[in-house]
Amino acid sequence: MSSTELLMEGVELMLMGMGAVFVFLMLLIGCINLMSWLVIRFVPEEVPVTAAPRQVPVPAAVPVEPELLAAIGAAVRLHRAKRAVS
């Protein structure tokens, strides 16, 4: 066989292979579209079921002692005074 015959045989084989892949991909796309159409047509969409919101018990407020409240207030004033100086 000459190199020209080998080259032409290679091109022919390449075109046959590419054609086979193209046909397979077109069939695959057709099947996917057909299945999508069938599912949309024959399978009804399910309505999502939502659960009722849970009632979370609110804990009772814990009373804050006046001494603790005074200490927190003093700490905040001291922190703000230090920030104002810097």
Protein backbone atom coordinates (compact mmCIF):
# COMPACT_ATOMS: atom_id res chain seq x y z
CA MET A 1 0.00 0.00 0.00
CA SER A 2 1.20 3.45 -0.77
CA SER A 3 1.18 6.29 1.69
CA THR A 4 -1.67 7.99 -0.17
CA GLU A 5 -3.89 4.94 0.18
CA LEU A 6 -3.03 4.68 3.88
CA LEU A 7 -3.80 8.36 4.39
CA MET A 8 -7.15 8.07 2.60
CA GLU A 9 -8.04 4.97 4.61
CA GLY A 10 -7.18 6.83 7.82
CA VAL A 11 -9.35 9.80 6.84
CA GLU A 12 -12.21 7.45 5.95
CA LEU A 13 -11.91 5.65 9.27
CA MET A 14 -11.79 8.99 11.12
CA LEU A 15 -14.94 10.23 9.37
CA MET A 16 -16.77 6.98 10.11
CA GLY A 17 -15.78 7.19 13.78
CA MET A 18 -16.80 10.83 14.09
CA GLY A 19 -20.08 10.08 12.32
CA ALA A 20 -20.81 7.20 14.69
CA VAL A 21 -20.13 9.43 17.73
CA PHE A 22 -22.32 12.19 16.26
CA VAL A 23 -25.21 9.79 15.65
CA PHE A 24 -24.87 8.34 19.16
CA LEU A 25 -24.92 11.81 20.74
CA MET A 26 -27.98 12.84 18.71
CA LEU A 27 -29.79 9.67 19.83
CA LEU A 28 -28.78 10.35 23.43
CA ILE A 29 -30.12 13.92 23.28
CA GLY A 30 -33.35 12.66 21.68
CA CYS A 31 -33.83 10.05 24.41
CA ILE A 32 -33.20 12.59 27.16
CA ASN A 33 -35.71 15.02 25.65
CA LEU A 34 -38.28 12.23 25.24
CA MET A 35 -37.87 11.12 28.87
CA SER A 36 -38.16 14.72 30.06
CA TRP A 37 -41.38 15.20 28.09
CA LEU A 38 -42.82 11.93 29.41
CA VAL A 39 -42.02 12.81 33.01
CA ILE A 40 -43.53 16.28 32.71
CA ARG A 41 -46.65 14.88 31.02
CA PHE A 42 -47.40 11.78 33.10
CA VAL A 43 -45.89 12.36 36.55
CA PRO A 44 -47.74 15.03 38.54
CA GLU A 45 -45.66 17.43 40.54
CA GLU A 46 -45.87 16.71 44.24
CA VAL A 47 -46.97 19.52 46.51
CA PRO A 48 -44.36 20.00 49.21
CA VAL A 49 -45.66 19.38 52.69
CA THR A 50 -44.58 22.02 55.14
CA ALA A 51 -44.54 21.32 58.83
CA ALA A 52 -46.26 23.66 61.22
CA PRO A 53 -43.82 25.96 62.98
CA ARG A 54 -42.77 24.65 66.34
CA GLN A 55 -43.56 26.70 69.38
CA VAL A 56 -40.30 27.30 71.19
CA PRO A 57 -40.82 27.94 74.88
CA VAL A 58 -39.38 31.27 75.93
CA PRO A 59 -37.37 30.96 79.14
CA ALA A 60 -38.44 33.15 82.00
CA ALA A 61 -36.35 36.28 82.46
CA VAL A 62 -33.84 35.92 85.27
CA PRO A 63 -33.81 39.01 87.48
CA VAL A 64 -30.45 40.81 87.56
CA GLU A 65 -29.17 41.85 90.96
CA PRO A 66 -28.68 45.59 91.40
CA GLU A 67 -25.05 45.14 92.53
CA LEU A 68 -24.22 43.20 89.34
CA LEU A 69 -25.95 45.84 87.22
CA ALA A 70 -23.94 48.58 88.95
CA ALA A 71 -20.67 46.66 88.39
CA ILE A 72 -21.42 46.21 84.69
CA GLY A 73 -22.28 49.90 84.33
CA ALA A 74 -19.04 50.91 86.07
CA ALA A 75 -16.99 48.61 83.83
CA VAL A 76 -18.59 50.08 80.70
CA ARG A 77 -17.93 53.66 81.90
CA LEU A 78 -14.31 52.77 82.69
CA HIS A 79 -13.82 51.15 79.27
CA ARG A 80 -15.31 54.16 77.48
CA ALA A 81 -13.16 56.54 79.53
CA LYS A 82 -9.99 54.60 78.57
CA ARG A 83 -10.96 54.61 74.88
CA ALA A 84 -11.61 58.37 74.96
CA VAL A 85 -8.12 59.02 76.38
CA SER A 86 -6.26 56.92 73.81
